[in-house]
Every structure is written in C-alpha cells, then in structure tokens.
C-alpha cells in the first residue's frame, strides 16, 4: 500500500476528529449548558444595571428640571419689584418713608418751577406727579444699573478666587468669606450678606439665590444655578465655576464690542432726536414772535402735542433699535 495514501488517510481522520471534537465536546462536557446558565444569570443583572442607570438619569434630569423651574419662578417674581427691593439694588439704606419724602420734595420743587415758568396749574400738577413718582424711580434705576455694572466687572475675579481656593483644598464657605472680606465693592457687600445669611442658618445655595434677588443680573443667576445643580447632582465645582468665569468674561467682551460698534448709531440717534428741539429753541430765541401762534392758538397747541407724541415715538423706536441685551 502506498505510504502517501496512508498519510492522507491519517490526516483526514485527524481532521475529522478535530471537527467532531470542536462540534460535540462543548455539549458532551456541559460547557455549552454552563455558558447558557451564565448568560441567563448575567442577563437579569445587566438589565437591572441598565434600569438603575436609566433611573439615575431620570432622577438627575428631574432635579435639573426642578432647579430650572425654580429659577423660572424667581425670574417671574423678579418683575414684581417693590420699593424696598429697588432701594436695596441701588445700594442705599433708605426706608420707604424716606423714599416718599424725597418724592414729595422733588414733586413740589418741579411743580413750583413749572408753575412759575408757565403760569398754568395743570402744568404744575403734571410736574408734581412726575417729581413724586418718576424722578425717585429714575434715580434708583440709575444707581442700580451703575452698581450692577460694577458687580459684573468684579464678579469674575471673585469666581477665580473661589476656583483657586477649592483647587488648593479650601472649603467653599472659606472661599466665600475671603471674598466677603477682601473683594471690591459691591461684590464684597453682596458676599458678606451671603456669609451673614449662612450665620443665621441658611444654606449656601439659598443664600446664593438671595443674591440674584438683590442683584438681578444674569451673572448672579448663573452662580445660583451652578451651586443649586452641583449640590443636587454633584460634580467638579472648581471646573464648573472656572467655566462660568470664562463665560462671564466673554459676555463682557461681547457687550463692550457691541457698545463700541453701536456708538455711531447712538450718536446719530442722539443728533436726530435733539435736532428738532434745538432748532425750535434757536428760532424762538432769534425770532420770538415767529412761534407765538404755537402757544396762543388751539391749532398751535394741538400741533405741539402731536409733534411731541411723534417725537416720543421716534425716540423710543430709535432706542429700541440701538439697545442690545447680552
């Protein structure tokens, strides 16, 4: 018999045995059944783990949604500003009585000046109402806006102090106390109020929420959001506050850039708005009798009122066009 045929038969037998071993050994040895049992035990565990992860994700999303809902409610309540809140936002220590006394004094002064200039008691009454209700509110709004601008310029530096303190191992409360004692105004005063609120038993998150009520700007709102979400869901607070500081600085850069780009439009609007009264004043000074008909006749008074209304509409439209909120 040929040895080649014998070798081929042996190799074929070995190959057939290997194939049979690979196909039937797991079943004969019970390995397939063991693997199936492991899959059966592992499948419920994987399902439970996936369900737990899904439940944790839903809980996290629910907490974030609740935080955003609370913030939205605070934003709605912010539009119902009381006199005390306006005084606090302006950084003053007036009482309601002092506010109204100032309004009465301004109203009497403005009414007296208009009454002497026009000789009409209706004009004097309008001046008294403007002085009573308008001028104090305008003054508080001016002070509040100026104070808020100083706060937004200094607030990123305070956040950087908190970030460096947390990275060096200091607790968050100690970082807040450092800002309350060493920062620039008005950040120093606002964080001191946060520390005082904590001393009275309020949590840091609630105290940060009160910061937005005293300083109704987006930067203070962001700070309260970050602390509220971090307290409920955890995370790297230093990194989050660092990102917040960067975002606030970028917002300020964008605001300054828009301010610079829109200055030409604002100057044009100021010139257009002041041109008709300026021309009317010059004409009245150079030729007093030329405009007497506007003040002595009914048609002239109606024309003056109509011009004033249209001028006011035009000024408000131009103001809307050149004002940008970031």
C-alpha atoms as a PDB file:
ATOM      1  CA  UNK A   1       0.000   0.000   0.000  1.00  0.00           C
ATOM      2  CA  UNK A   2       1.267   3.450  -0.876  1.00  0.00           C
ATOM      3  CA  UNK A   3       2.558   5.468   2.074  1.00  0.00           C
ATOM      4  CA  UNK A   4       1.107   8.639   0.593  1.00  0.00           C
ATOM      5  CA  UNK A   5      -2.392   7.230   0.716  1.00  0.00           C
ATOM      6  CA  UNK A   6      -1.808   6.096   4.293  1.00  0.00           C
ATOM      7  CA  UNK A   7      -0.614   9.585   5.322  1.00  0.00           C
ATOM      8  CA  UNK A   8      -3.595  11.212   3.586  1.00  0.00           C
ATOM      9  CA  UNK A   9      -5.998   8.838   5.367  1.00  0.00           C
ATOM     10  CA  UNK A  10      -4.367   9.591   8.729  1.00  0.00           C
ATOM     11  CA  UNK A  11      -4.579  13.369   8.144  1.00  0.00           C
ATOM     12  CA  UNK A  12      -8.211  13.050   7.070  1.00  0.00           C
ATOM     13  CA  UNK A  13      -9.014  11.053  10.207  1.00  0.00           C
ATOM     14  CA  UNK A  14      -7.271  13.611  12.417  1.00  0.00           C
ATOM     15  CA  UNK A  15      -9.140  16.466  10.704  1.00  0.00           C
ATOM     16  CA  UNK A  16     -12.479  14.688  11.100  1.00  0.00           C
ATOM     17  CA  UNK A  17     -11.695  14.022  14.758  1.00  0.00           C
ATOM     18  CA  UNK A  18     -10.800  17.686  15.319  1.00  0.00           C
ATOM     19  CA  UNK A  19     -14.025  18.863  13.703  1.00  0.00           C
ATOM     20  CA  UNK A  20     -16.042  16.362  15.731  1.00  0.00           C
ATOM     21  CA  UNK A  21     -14.256  17.462  18.907  1.00  0.00           C
ATOM     22  CA  UNK A  22     -14.938  21.120  18.207  1.00  0.00           C
ATOM     23  CA  UNK A  23     -18.593  20.476  17.461  1.00  0.00           C
ATOM     24  CA  UNK A  24     -19.556  17.933  20.105  1.00  0.00           C
ATOM     25  CA  UNK A  25     -17.177  18.491  23.026  1.00  0.00           C
ATOM     26  CA  UNK A  26     -18.951  21.560  24.483  1.00  0.00           C
ATOM     27  CA  UNK A  27     -22.224  19.653  24.509  1.00  0.00           C
ATOM     28  CA  UNK A  28     -20.718  16.488  25.900  1.00  0.00           C
ATOM     29  CA  UNK A  29     -18.700  18.295  28.577  1.00  0.00           C
ATOM     30  CA  UNK A  30     -21.570  20.592  29.654  1.00  0.00           C
ATOM     31  CA  UNK A  31     -19.678  23.761  28.718  1.00  0.00           C
ATOM     32  CA  UNK A  32     -22.494  24.977  26.496  1.00  0.00           C
ATOM     33  CA  UNK A  33     -25.017  24.471  29.267  1.00  0.00           C
ATOM     34  CA  UNK A  34     -22.760  26.287  31.723  1.00  0.00           C
ATOM     35  CA  UNK A  35     -22.339  29.182  29.304  1.00  0.00           C
ATOM     36  CA  UNK A  36     -26.087  29.336  28.782  1.00  0.00           C
ATOM     37  CA  UNK A  37     -26.654  29.369  32.551  1.00  0.00           C
ATOM     38  CA  UNK A  38     -24.115  32.209  32.913  1.00  0.00           C
ATOM     39  CA  UNK A  39     -25.927  34.193  30.246  1.00  0.00           C
ATOM     40  CA  UNK A  40     -29.230  33.534  31.961  1.00  0.00           C
ATOM     41  CA  UNK A  41     -27.863  34.815  35.283  1.00  0.00           C
ATOM     42  CA  UNK A  42     -25.965  37.702  33.692  1.00  0.00           C
ATOM     43  CA  UNK A  43     -28.891  38.966  31.611  1.00  0.00           C
ATOM     44  CA  UNK A  44     -31.098  39.996  34.577  1.00  0.00           C
ATOM     45  CA  UNK A  45     -28.094  41.657  36.235  1.00  0.00           C
ATOM     46  CA  UNK A  46     -27.351  43.652  33.058  1.00  0.00           C
ATOM     47  CA  UNK A  47     -30.998  44.577  32.740  1.00  0.00           C
ATOM     48  CA  UNK A  48     -31.093  45.681  36.371  1.00  0.00           C
ATOM     49  CA  UNK A  49     -27.902  47.721  35.916  1.00  0.00           C
ATOM     50  CA  UNK A  50     -29.326  49.377  32.795  1.00  0.00           C
ATOM     51  CA  UNK A  51     -32.572  50.072  34.636  1.00  0.00           C
ATOM     52  CA  UNK A  52     -30.650  51.563  37.551  1.00  0.00           C
ATOM     53  CA  UNK A  53     -28.662  53.794  35.209  1.00  0.00           C
ATOM     54  CA  UNK A  54     -31.842  54.903  33.497  1.00  0.00           C
ATOM     55  CA  UNK A  55     -33.481  55.640  36.851  1.00  0.00           C
ATOM     56  CA  UNK A  56     -30.455  57.647  37.967  1.00  0.00           C
ATOM     57  CA  UNK A  57     -30.501  59.565  34.689  1.00  0.00           C
ATOM     58  CA  UNK A  58     -34.191  60.314  35.071  1.00  0.00           C
ATOM     59  CA  UNK A  59     -33.652  61.449  38.659  1.00  0.00           C
ATOM     60  CA  UNK A  60     -30.814  63.722  37.574  1.00  0.00           C
ATOM     61  CA  UNK A  61     -32.899  65.166  34.744  1.00  0.00           C
ATOM     62  CA  UNK A  62     -35.768  65.661  37.169  1.00  0.00           C
ATOM     63  CA  UNK A  63     -33.550  67.520  39.622  1.00  0.00           C
ATOM     64  CA  UNK A  64     -32.179  69.752  36.880  1.00  0.00           C
ATOM     65  CA  UNK A  65     -35.699  70.410  35.575  1.00  0.00           C
ATOM     66  CA  UNK A  66     -36.876  71.299  39.079  1.00  0.00           C
ATOM     67  CA  UNK A  67     -33.933  73.666  39.514  1.00  0.00           C
ATOM     68  CA  UNK A  68     -34.700  75.340  36.200  1.00  0.00           C
ATOM     69  CA  UNK A  69     -38.361  75.608  37.173  1.00  0.00           C
ATOM     70  CA  UNK A  70     -37.443  77.279  40.453  1.00  0.00           C
ATOM     71  CA  UNK A  71     -35.186  79.669  38.576  1.00  0.00           C
ATOM     72  CA  UNK A  72     -38.008  80.484  36.152  1.00  0.00           C
ATOM     73  CA  UNK A  73     -40.333  81.210  39.067  1.00  0.00           C
ATOM     74  CA  UNK A  74     -37.729  83.531  40.566  1.00  0.00           C
ATOM     75  CA  UNK A  75     -37.368  85.243  37.211  1.00  0.00           C
ATOM     76  CA  UNK A  76     -41.118  85.835  37.073  1.00  0.00           C
ATOM     77  CA  UNK A  77     -41.121  87.160  40.617  1.00  0.00           C
ATOM     78  CA  UNK A  78     -38.245  89.491  39.783  1.00  0.00           C
ATOM     79  CA  UNK A  79     -40.538  91.628  37.636  1.00  0.00           C
ATOM     80  CA  UNK A  80     -42.673  92.389  40.718  1.00  0.00           C
ATOM     81  CA  UNK A  81     -40.086  94.623  42.332  1.00  0.00           C
ATOM     82  CA  UNK A  82     -41.060  96.500  45.470  1.00  0.00           C
ATOM     83  CA  UNK A  83     -39.703  99.853  46.555  1.00  0.00           C
ATOM     84  CA  UNK A  84     -37.556  98.177  49.205  1.00  0.00           C
ATOM     85  CA  UNK A  85     -36.044  95.898  46.554  1.00  0.00           C
ATOM     86  CA  UNK A  86     -35.238  98.859  44.305  1.00  0.00           C
ATOM     87  CA  UNK A  87     -33.567 100.660  47.193  1.00  0.00           C
ATOM     88  CA  UNK A  88     -31.568  97.536  48.063  1.00  0.00           C
ATOM     89  CA  UNK A  89     -30.499  97.023  44.449  1.00  0.00           C
ATOM     90  CA  UNK A  90     -29.306 100.640  44.341  1.00  0.00           C
ATOM     91  CA  UNK A  91     -27.118 100.003  47.378  1.00  0.00           C
ATOM     92  CA  UNK A  92     -28.882 102.574  49.578  1.00  0.00           C
ATOM     93  CA  UNK A  93     -30.179 102.274  53.116  1.00  0.00           C
ATOM     94  CA  UNK A  94     -33.339 104.315  52.726  1.00  0.00           C
ATOM     95  CA  UNK A  95     -36.665 103.394  54.214  1.00  0.00           C
ATOM     96  CA  UNK A  96     -39.988 103.594  52.410  1.00  0.00           C
ATOM     97  CA  UNK A  97     -40.781 106.800  54.318  1.00  0.00           C
ATOM     98  CA  UNK A  98     -37.557 108.468  53.213  1.00  0.00           C
ATOM     99  CA  UNK A  99     -38.247 107.445  49.608  1.00  0.00           C
ATOM    100  CA  UNK A 100     -41.678 109.071  49.582  1.00  0.00           C
ATOM    101  CA  UNK A 101     -40.405 112.172  51.387  1.00  0.00           C
ATOM    102  CA  UNK A 102     -37.802 112.594  48.656  1.00  0.00           C
ATOM    103  CA  UNK A 103     -40.515 112.147  46.016  1.00  0.00           C
ATOM    104  CA  UNK A 104     -42.725 114.788  47.650  1.00  0.00           C
ATOM    105  CA  UNK A 105     -39.819 117.238  47.874  1.00  0.00           C
ATOM    106  CA  UNK A 106     -38.872 116.728  44.227  1.00  0.00           C
ATOM    107  CA  UNK A 107     -42.513 116.985  43.167  1.00  0.00           C
ATOM    108  CA  UNK A 108     -43.021 120.272  44.997  1.00  0.00           C
ATOM    109  CA  UNK A 109     -39.788 121.722  43.579  1.00  0.00           C
ATOM    110  CA  UNK A 110     -40.594 120.687  39.998  1.00  0.00           C
ATOM    111  CA  UNK A 111     -44.223 121.842  40.266  1.00  0.00           C
ATOM    112  CA  UNK A 112     -43.144 125.234  41.616  1.00  0.00           C
ATOM    113  CA  UNK A 113     -40.621 125.724  38.807  1.00  0.00           C
ATOM    114  CA  UNK A 114     -43.108 124.770  36.077  1.00  0.00           C
ATOM    115  CA  UNK A 115     -45.872 126.870  37.631  1.00  0.00           C
ATOM    116  CA  UNK A 116     -43.646 129.940  37.712  1.00  0.00           C
ATOM    117  CA  UNK A 117     -42.490 129.332  34.126  1.00  0.00           C
ATOM    118  CA  UNK A 118     -45.912 128.593  32.581  1.00  0.00           C
ATOM    119  CA  UNK A 119     -48.449 130.111  34.958  1.00  0.00           C
ATOM    120  CA  UNK A 120     -50.714 127.099  34.351  1.00  0.00           C
ATOM    121  CA  UNK A 121     -51.727 124.987  37.344  1.00  0.00           C
ATOM    122  CA  UNK A 122     -52.263 121.903  35.112  1.00  0.00           C
ATOM    123  CA  UNK A 123     -48.618 122.021  34.081  1.00  0.00           C
ATOM    124  CA  UNK A 124     -47.665 122.405  37.733  1.00  0.00           C
ATOM    125  CA  UNK A 125     -49.777 119.374  38.691  1.00  0.00           C
ATOM    126  CA  UNK A 126     -48.148 117.272  35.973  1.00  0.00           C
ATOM    127  CA  UNK A 127     -44.732 118.387  37.228  1.00  0.00           C
ATOM    128  CA  UNK A 128     -45.659 117.391  40.785  1.00  0.00           C
ATOM    129  CA  UNK A 129     -46.706 113.906  39.664  1.00  0.00           C
ATOM    130  CA  UNK A 130     -43.516 113.499  37.646  1.00  0.00           C
ATOM    131  CA  UNK A 131     -41.414 114.574  40.612  1.00  0.00           C
ATOM    132  CA  UNK A 132     -43.336 112.342  43.016  1.00  0.00           C
ATOM    133  CA  UNK A 133     -43.423 109.101  41.018  1.00  0.00           C
ATOM    134  CA  UNK A 134     -40.886 109.479  38.222  1.00  0.00           C
ATOM    135  CA  UNK A 135     -37.737 111.162  39.473  1.00  0.00           C
ATOM    136  CA  UNK A 136     -37.079 108.925  42.553  1.00  0.00           C
ATOM    137  CA  UNK A 137     -37.663 105.786  40.500  1.00  0.00           C
ATOM    138  CA  UNK A 138     -35.374 107.071  37.760  1.00  0.00           C
ATOM    139  CA  UNK A 139     -32.686 107.889  40.319  1.00  0.00           C
ATOM    140  CA  UNK A 140     -32.873 104.423  41.886  1.00  0.00           C
ATOM    141  CA  UNK A 141     -32.778 102.783  38.456  1.00  0.00           C
ATOM    142  CA  UNK A 142     -29.693 104.802  37.543  1.00  0.00           C
ATOM    143  CA  UNK A 143     -27.890 103.853  40.770  1.00  0.00           C
ATOM    144  CA  UNK A 144     -28.944 100.201  40.431  1.00  0.00           C
ATOM    145  CA  UNK A 145     -27.707  99.976  36.849  1.00  0.00           C
ATOM    146  CA  UNK A 146     -24.362 101.564  37.746  1.00  0.00           C
ATOM    147  CA  UNK A 147     -23.939  99.263  40.746  1.00  0.00           C
ATOM    148  CA  UNK A 148     -24.840  96.207  38.678  1.00  0.00           C
ATOM    149  CA  UNK A 149     -22.213  97.144  36.079  1.00  0.00           C
ATOM    150  CA  UNK A 150     -19.529  97.334  38.779  1.00  0.00           C
ATOM    151  CA  UNK A 151     -20.703  93.974  40.116  1.00  0.00           C
ATOM    152  CA  UNK A 152     -20.479  92.240  36.725  1.00  0.00           C
ATOM    153  CA  UNK A 153     -16.983  93.644  36.160  1.00  0.00           C
ATOM    154  CA  UNK A 154     -15.680  92.378  39.518  1.00  0.00           C
ATOM    155  CA  UNK A 155     -17.644  89.119  39.791  1.00  0.00           C
ATOM    156  CA  UNK A 156     -15.352  87.006  37.521  1.00  0.00           C
ATOM    157  CA  UNK A 157     -12.385  87.868  39.763  1.00  0.00           C
ATOM    158  CA  UNK A 158     -14.356  86.617  42.770  1.00  0.00           C
ATOM    159  CA  UNK A 159     -15.118  83.375  40.946  1.00  0.00           C
ATOM    160  CA  UNK A 160     -11.424  82.942  40.161  1.00  0.00           C
ATOM    161  CA  UNK A 161     -10.645  83.305  43.871  1.00  0.00           C
ATOM    162  CA  UNK A 162     -13.174  80.566  44.655  1.00  0.00           C
ATOM    163  CA  UNK A 163     -11.721  78.282  41.971  1.00  0.00           C
ATOM    164  CA  UNK A 164      -8.152  78.701  43.220  1.00  0.00           C
ATOM    165  CA  UNK A 165      -9.268  78.188  46.812  1.00  0.00           C
ATOM    166  CA  UNK A 166     -11.139  74.966  46.002  1.00  0.00           C
ATOM    167  CA  UNK A 167      -8.207  73.623  43.988  1.00  0.00           C
ATOM    168  CA  UNK A 168      -5.866  74.343  46.903  1.00  0.00           C
ATOM    169  CA  UNK A 169      -8.121  72.431  49.297  1.00  0.00           C
ATOM    170  CA  UNK A 170     -10.118  75.186  50.992  1.00  0.00           C
ATOM    171  CA  UNK A 171     -13.830  74.646  51.687  1.00  0.00           C
ATOM    172  CA  UNK A 172     -16.292  76.651  49.639  1.00  0.00           C
ATOM    173  CA  UNK A 173     -17.530  78.570  52.688  1.00  0.00           C
ATOM    174  CA  UNK A 174     -13.997  79.763  53.486  1.00  0.00           C
ATOM    175  CA  UNK A 175     -13.584  80.978  49.910  1.00  0.00           C
ATOM    176  CA  UNK A 176     -16.818  82.932  50.196  1.00  0.00           C
ATOM    177  CA  UNK A 177     -15.587  84.512  53.437  1.00  0.00           C
ATOM    178  CA  UNK A 178     -12.342  85.543  51.750  1.00  0.00           C
ATOM    179  CA  UNK A 179     -14.323  87.345  49.039  1.00  0.00           C
ATOM    180  CA  UNK A 180     -16.575  88.943  51.653  1.00  0.00           C
ATOM    181  CA  UNK A 181     -13.527  90.468  53.366  1.00  0.00           C
ATOM    182  CA  UNK A 182     -11.129  91.276  50.508  1.00  0.00           C
ATOM    183  CA  UNK A 183     -13.093  91.779  47.268  1.00  0.00           C
ATOM    184  CA  UNK A 184     -14.026  95.109  45.707  1.00  0.00           C
ATOM    185  CA  UNK A 185     -17.419  96.701  46.140  1.00  0.00           C
ATOM    186  CA  UNK A 186     -20.215  95.823  45.519  1.00  0.00           C
ATOM    187  CA  UNK A 187     -19.132  92.158  45.371  1.00  0.00           C
ATOM    188  CA  UNK A 188     -17.731  92.463  48.880  1.00  0.00           C
ATOM    189  CA  UNK A 189     -21.049  93.631  50.326  1.00  0.00           C
ATOM    190  CA  UNK A 190     -23.099  91.018  48.489  1.00  0.00           C
ATOM    191  CA  UNK A 191     -20.905  88.129  49.625  1.00  0.00           C
ATOM    192  CA  UNK A 192     -20.870  89.495  53.146  1.00  0.00           C
ATOM    193  CA  UNK A 193     -24.652  89.266  53.089  1.00  0.00           C
ATOM    194  CA  UNK A 194     -24.289  85.639  51.951  1.00  0.00           C
ATOM    195  CA  UNK A 195     -21.998  84.913  54.903  1.00  0.00           C
ATOM    196  CA  UNK A 196     -24.420  86.622  57.298  1.00  0.00           C
ATOM    197  CA  UNK A 197     -27.303  84.563  55.887  1.00  0.00           C
ATOM    198  CA  UNK A 198     -25.301  81.371  56.495  1.00  0.00           C
ATOM    199  CA  UNK A 199     -24.620  82.515  60.037  1.00  0.00           C
ATOM    200  CA  UNK A 200     -28.376  82.741  60.580  1.00  0.00           C
ATOM    201  CA  UNK A 201     -28.792  79.123  59.439  1.00  0.00           C
ATOM    202  CA  UNK A 202     -29.479  79.492  55.716  1.00  0.00           C
ATOM    203  CA  UNK A 203     -27.722  77.130  53.336  1.00  0.00           C
ATOM    204  CA  UNK A 204     -25.203  78.419  50.828  1.00  0.00           C
ATOM    205  CA  UNK A 205     -27.481  77.573  47.907  1.00  0.00           C
ATOM    206  CA  UNK A 206     -30.405  79.537  49.357  1.00  0.00           C
ATOM    207  CA  UNK A 207     -28.086  82.445  50.191  1.00  0.00           C
ATOM    208  CA  UNK A 208     -26.804  82.446  46.603  1.00  0.00           C
ATOM    209  CA  UNK A 209     -30.427  82.512  45.423  1.00  0.00           C
ATOM    210  CA  UNK A 210     -30.978  85.644  47.514  1.00  0.00           C
ATOM    211  CA  UNK A 211     -28.001  87.181  45.708  1.00  0.00           C
ATOM    212  CA  UNK A 212     -29.988  87.133  42.477  1.00  0.00           C
ATOM    213  CA  UNK A 213     -32.855  88.946  44.191  1.00  0.00           C
ATOM    214  CA  UNK A 214     -30.548  91.735  45.356  1.00  0.00           C
ATOM    215  CA  UNK A 215     -28.531  91.834  42.137  1.00  0.00           C
ATOM    216  CA  UNK A 216     -30.884  90.864  39.272  1.00  0.00           C
ATOM    217  CA  UNK A 217     -28.327  90.136  36.579  1.00  0.00           C
ATOM    218  CA  UNK A 218     -27.560  87.025  34.553  1.00  0.00           C
ATOM    219  CA  UNK A 219     -24.174  86.532  36.236  1.00  0.00           C
ATOM    220  CA  UNK A 220     -25.677  86.224  39.728  1.00  0.00           C
ATOM    221  CA  UNK A 221     -28.386  83.959  38.317  1.00  0.00           C
ATOM    222  CA  UNK A 222     -25.758  81.670  36.757  1.00  0.00           C
ATOM    223  CA  UNK A 223     -23.924  81.462  40.079  1.00  0.00           C
ATOM    224  CA  UNK A 224     -27.079  80.369  41.889  1.00  0.00           C
ATOM    225  CA  UNK A 225     -27.854  77.798  39.177  1.00  0.00           C
ATOM    226  CA  UNK A 226     -24.364  76.284  39.377  1.00  0.00           C
ATOM    227  CA  UNK A 227     -24.469  75.914  43.156  1.00  0.00           C
ATOM    228  CA  UNK A 228     -28.020  74.512  43.142  1.00  0.00           C
ATOM    229  CA  UNK A 229     -27.285  71.883  40.485  1.00  0.00           C
ATOM    230  CA  UNK A 230     -23.906  70.969  41.989  1.00  0.00           C
ATOM    231  CA  UNK A 231     -25.483  70.417  45.400  1.00  0.00           C
ATOM    232  CA  UNK A 232     -28.137  68.088  43.976  1.00  0.00           C
ATOM    233  CA  UNK A 233     -26.154  66.202  41.339  1.00  0.00           C
ATOM    234  CA  UNK A 234     -22.507  66.604  42.355  1.00  0.00           C
ATOM    235  CA  UNK A 235     -19.595  67.256  40.035  1.00  0.00           C
ATOM    236  CA  UNK A 236     -16.370  69.214  39.826  1.00  0.00           C
ATOM    237  CA  UNK A 237     -17.320  72.595  41.273  1.00  0.00           C
ATOM    238  CA  UNK A 238     -13.948  74.203  40.553  1.00  0.00           C
ATOM    239  CA  UNK A 239     -14.129  73.341  36.867  1.00  0.00           C
ATOM    240  CA  UNK A 240     -17.747  74.480  36.641  1.00  0.00           C
ATOM    241  CA  UNK A 241     -17.016  77.833  38.286  1.00  0.00           C
ATOM    242  CA  UNK A 242     -13.951  78.283  36.082  1.00  0.00           C
ATOM    243  CA  UNK A 243     -16.134  77.778  33.015  1.00  0.00           C
ATOM    244  CA  UNK A 244     -18.666  80.219  34.458  1.00  0.00           C
ATOM    245  CA  UNK A 245     -15.949  82.831  34.973  1.00  0.00           C
ATOM    246  CA  UNK A 246     -14.797  82.371  31.397  1.00  0.00           C
ATOM    247  CA  UNK A 247     -18.360  82.704  30.085  1.00  0.00           C
ATOM    248  CA  UNK A 248     -18.930  85.901  32.086  1.00  0.00           C
ATOM    249  CA  UNK A 249     -15.717  87.424  30.744  1.00  0.00           C
ATOM    250  CA  UNK A 250     -16.682  86.515  27.197  1.00  0.00           C
ATOM    251  CA  UNK A 251     -20.103  88.085  27.734  1.00  0.00           C
ATOM    252  CA  UNK A 252     -18.454  91.278  28.934  1.00  0.00           C
ATOM    253  CA  UNK A 253     -16.147  91.324  25.906  1.00  0.00           C
ATOM    254  CA  UNK A 254     -19.137  90.854  23.618  1.00  0.00           C
ATOM    255  CA  UNK A 255     -21.045  93.614  25.416  1.00  0.00           C
ATOM    256  CA  UNK A 256     -18.125  96.024  25.111  1.00  0.00           C
ATOM    257  CA  UNK A 257     -17.689  95.140  21.448  1.00  0.00           C
ATOM    258  CA  UNK A 258     -21.363  95.770  20.719  1.00  0.00           C
ATOM    259  CA  UNK A 259     -21.140  99.022  22.681  1.00  0.00           C
ATOM    260  CA  UNK A 260     -18.220 100.164  20.530  1.00  0.00           C
ATOM    261  CA  UNK A 261     -19.811  99.104  17.243  1.00  0.00           C
ATOM    262  CA  UNK A 262     -23.155 100.748  18.039  1.00  0.00           C
ATOM    263  CA  UNK A 263     -21.717 104.099  19.194  1.00  0.00           C
ATOM    264  CA  UNK A 264     -22.065 105.590  15.720  1.00  0.00           C
ATOM    265  CA  UNK A 265     -25.744 104.658  15.589  1.00  0.00           C
ATOM    266  CA  UNK A 266     -26.295 106.012  19.098  1.00  0.00           C
ATOM    267  CA  UNK A 267     -24.607 109.292  18.217  1.00  0.00           C
ATOM    268  CA  UNK A 268     -26.761 109.577  15.101  1.00  0.00           C
ATOM    269  CA  UNK A 269     -29.900 108.852  17.112  1.00  0.00           C
ATOM    270  CA  UNK A 270     -28.922 111.483  19.692  1.00  0.00           C
ATOM    271  CA  UNK A 271     -28.365 114.096  16.974  1.00  0.00           C
ATOM    272  CA  UNK A 272     -31.636 113.261  15.204  1.00  0.00           C
ATOM    273  CA  UNK A 273     -33.589 113.306  18.474  1.00  0.00           C
ATOM    274  CA  UNK A 274     -32.132 116.618  19.687  1.00  0.00           C
ATOM    275  CA  UNK A 275     -32.270 118.436  16.348  1.00  0.00           C
ATOM    276  CA  UNK A 276     -35.989 119.494  16.324  1.00  0.00           C
ATOM    277  CA  UNK A 277     -35.999 120.914  19.890  1.00  0.00           C
ATOM    278  CA  UNK A 278     -32.666 122.633  19.258  1.00  0.00           C
ATOM    279  CA  UNK A 279     -33.915 124.250  16.039  1.00  0.00           C
ATOM    280  CA  UNK A 280     -37.166 125.293  17.730  1.00  0.00           C
ATOM    281  CA  UNK A 281     -35.220 126.849  20.624  1.00  0.00           C
ATOM    282  CA  UNK A 282     -32.921 128.764  18.278  1.00  0.00           C
ATOM    283  CA  UNK A 283     -35.861 130.059  16.244  1.00  0.00           C
ATOM    284  CA  UNK A 284     -37.635 131.152  19.416  1.00  0.00           C
ATOM    285  CA  UNK A 285     -34.532 132.989  20.649  1.00  0.00           C
ATOM    286  CA  UNK A 286     -33.810 134.727  17.352  1.00  0.00           C
ATOM    287  CA  UNK A 287     -37.446 135.465  16.395  1.00  0.00           C
ATOM    288  CA  UNK A 288     -39.715 135.280  19.463  1.00  0.00           C
ATOM    289  CA  UNK A 289     -42.848 136.414  17.665  1.00  0.00           C
ATOM    290  CA  UNK A 290     -42.477 133.863  14.892  1.00  0.00           C
ATOM    291  CA  UNK A 291     -43.645 130.957  17.096  1.00  0.00           C
ATOM    292  CA  UNK A 292     -46.269 132.741  19.208  1.00  0.00           C
ATOM    293  CA  UNK A 293     -49.074 131.095  17.268  1.00  0.00           C
ATOM    294  CA  UNK A 294     -47.994 127.679  18.557  1.00  0.00           C
ATOM    295  CA  UNK A 295     -48.646 128.765  22.161  1.00  0.00           C
ATOM    296  CA  UNK A 296     -51.584 131.164  21.796  1.00  0.00           C
ATOM    297  CA  UNK A 297     -53.916 129.298  19.429  1.00  0.00           C
ATOM    298  CA  UNK A 298     -55.717 125.970  19.780  1.00  0.00           C
ATOM    299  CA  UNK A 299     -54.351 124.694  16.482  1.00  0.00           C
ATOM    300  CA  UNK A 300     -50.814 125.549  17.591  1.00  0.00           C
ATOM    301  CA  UNK A 301     -51.224 123.712  20.897  1.00  0.00           C
ATOM    302  CA  UNK A 302     -52.624 120.662  19.077  1.00  0.00           C
ATOM    303  CA  UNK A 303     -49.664 120.793  16.701  1.00  0.00           C
ATOM    304  CA  UNK A 304     -47.242 120.958  19.637  1.00  0.00           C
ATOM    305  CA  UNK A 305     -48.883 117.960  21.309  1.00  0.00           C
ATOM    306  CA  UNK A 306     -48.833 115.987  18.051  1.00  0.00           C
ATOM    307  CA  UNK A 307     -45.173 116.842  17.449  1.00  0.00           C
ATOM    308  CA  UNK A 308     -44.305 115.829  20.984  1.00  0.00           C
ATOM    309  CA  UNK A 309     -46.087 112.489  20.605  1.00  0.00           C
ATOM    310  CA  UNK A 310     -44.410 111.701  17.302  1.00  0.00           C
ATOM    311  CA  UNK A 311     -41.030 112.755  18.654  1.00  0.00           C
ATOM    312  CA  UNK A 312     -41.523 110.440  21.625  1.00  0.00           C
ATOM    313  CA  UNK A 313     -42.490 107.558  19.332  1.00  0.00           C
ATOM    314  CA  UNK A 314     -39.444 108.139  17.153  1.00  0.00           C
ATOM    315  CA  UNK A 315     -37.098 108.318  20.148  1.00  0.00           C
ATOM    316  CA  UNK A 316     -38.489 105.086  21.592  1.00  0.00           C
ATOM    317  CA  UNK A 317     -38.127 103.321  18.232  1.00  0.00           C
ATOM    318  CA  UNK A 318     -34.527 104.503  17.845  1.00  0.00           C
ATOM    319  CA  UNK A 319     -33.793 103.466  21.419  1.00  0.00           C
ATOM    320  CA  UNK A 320     -35.172 100.001  20.711  1.00  0.00           C
ATOM    321  CA  UNK A 321     -33.063  99.716  17.580  1.00  0.00           C
ATOM    322  CA  UNK A 322     -29.743 100.684  19.171  1.00  0.00           C
ATOM    323  CA  UNK A 323     -30.071  98.866  22.523  1.00  0.00           C
ATOM    324  CA  UNK A 324     -28.755  95.305  22.674  1.00  0.00           C
ATOM    325  CA  UNK A 325     -29.074  92.908  25.588  1.00  0.00           C
ATOM    326  CA  UNK A 326     -26.407  90.249  26.065  1.00  0.00           C
END
